[in-house]
């Protein structure tokens, strides 16, 4: 569904999976990627919520480099607060973990 750019449907299905299996790594990965895509394409999902999904996805699968990189980028470039130094520090912490 992500490849077909059906982001809202992908997120909905991820949410359904996460209701059944709250710590499912694939469910959190799909939720994070689909909510991020909806933010970029349509501006529908706030970045704070996108970042939260990425954090949960990384908790479920700490070795996922794509998720870590995207979360670090959100912290470093996209969020407007806290300060740039604090956002850089958050981004660095994601990549070190």
Protein backbone atom coordinates (compact mmCIF):
# COMPACT_ATOMS: atom_id res chain seq x y z
CA UNK A 1 0.00 0.00 0.00
CA UNK A 2 2.86 2.39 0.67
CA UNK A 3 4.27 1.75 -2.80
CA UNK A 4 0.83 2.50 -4.25
CA UNK A 5 0.72 5.75 -2.23
CA UNK A 6 -2.36 4.62 -0.36
CA UNK A 7 -0.98 6.07 2.83
CA UNK A 8 -4.21 6.51 4.79
CA UNK A 9 -5.28 2.92 4.09
CA UNK A 10 -1.84 1.66 5.10
CA UNK A 11 -2.02 3.61 8.35
CA UNK A 12 -5.53 2.33 9.05
CA UNK A 13 -4.44 -1.27 8.55
CA UNK A 14 -1.37 -0.71 10.73
CA UNK A 15 -3.64 0.70 13.45
CA UNK A 16 -5.86 -2.39 13.23
CA UNK A 17 -2.83 -4.66 13.57
CA UNK A 18 -1.49 -2.64 16.51
CA UNK A 19 -4.83 -2.97 18.30
CA UNK A 20 -4.33 -6.74 18.22
CA UNK A 21 -0.56 -6.79 18.73
CA UNK A 22 0.51 -3.49 20.34
CA UNK A 23 4.26 -4.08 20.06
CA UNK A 24 4.32 -5.41 16.47
CA UNK A 25 7.44 -4.01 14.77
CA UNK A 26 5.98 -4.20 11.25
CA UNK A 27 2.81 -2.45 12.35
CA UNK A 28 4.73 0.42 13.89
CA UNK A 29 7.04 0.65 10.87
CA UNK A 30 4.10 0.93 8.48
CA UNK A 31 2.34 3.42 10.75
CA UNK A 32 5.44 5.61 10.96
CA UNK A 33 6.16 5.55 7.24
CA UNK A 34 2.54 6.10 6.22
CA UNK A 35 1.95 8.95 8.67
CA UNK A 36 5.20 10.62 7.54
CA UNK A 37 4.13 10.32 3.90
CA UNK A 38 0.74 11.83 4.72
CA UNK A 39 2.50 14.72 6.43
CA UNK A 40 4.79 15.38 3.47
CA UNK A 41 2.21 14.94 0.72
CA UNK A 42 -0.97 16.28 2.30
CA UNK A 43 0.06 17.99 5.55
CA UNK A 44 -2.49 15.81 7.35
CA UNK A 45 -0.47 14.39 10.22
CA UNK A 46 1.42 16.73 12.59
CA UNK A 47 5.18 16.11 12.71
CA UNK A 48 5.05 15.63 16.47
CA UNK A 49 2.70 12.68 15.92
CA UNK A 50 4.89 11.34 13.10
CA UNK A 51 7.96 11.51 15.37
CA UNK A 52 6.05 9.65 18.08
CA UNK A 53 5.24 6.84 15.63
CA UNK A 54 8.89 6.62 14.60
CA UNK A 55 9.98 6.43 18.25
CA UNK A 56 7.53 3.59 18.92
CA UNK A 57 8.64 1.80 15.74
CA UNK A 58 12.27 2.06 16.87
CA UNK A 59 11.39 0.74 20.31
CA UNK A 60 9.89 -2.30 18.58
CA UNK A 61 12.88 -2.68 16.21
CA UNK A 62 15.93 -0.67 17.32
CA UNK A 63 18.06 -1.96 14.43
CA UNK A 64 15.90 -0.39 11.67
CA UNK A 65 18.31 2.13 10.12
CA UNK A 66 15.72 3.70 7.81
CA UNK A 67 13.44 4.55 10.74
CA UNK A 68 16.33 5.93 12.80
CA UNK A 69 17.53 8.08 9.91
CA UNK A 70 14.09 9.48 9.20
CA UNK A 71 13.43 10.26 12.86
CA UNK A 72 16.81 11.97 13.17
CA UNK A 73 16.01 14.05 10.06
CA UNK A 74 12.67 15.10 11.54
CA UNK A 75 14.41 16.24 14.71
CA UNK A 76 17.23 18.04 12.92
CA UNK A 77 15.41 19.66 10.01
CA UNK A 78 11.64 19.57 10.24
CA UNK A 79 10.52 20.32 13.79
CA UNK A 80 10.46 23.96 14.78
CA UNK A 81 10.92 23.46 18.51
CA UNK A 82 12.78 22.96 20.79
CA UNK A 83 15.92 24.90 19.86
CA UNK A 84 18.10 23.79 16.95
CA UNK A 85 20.83 22.63 19.36
CA UNK A 86 18.33 20.51 21.29
CA UNK A 87 16.87 19.08 18.07
CA UNK A 88 20.37 18.21 16.84
CA UNK A 89 21.04 16.49 20.14
CA UNK A 90 17.82 14.45 19.82
CA UNK A 91 18.79 13.49 16.28
CA UNK A 92 22.26 12.45 17.39
CA UNK A 93 20.81 10.35 20.22
CA UNK A 94 18.60 8.46 17.76
CA UNK A 95 21.56 7.63 15.52
CA UNK A 96 23.80 6.55 18.43
CA UNK A 97 21.19 4.24 19.97
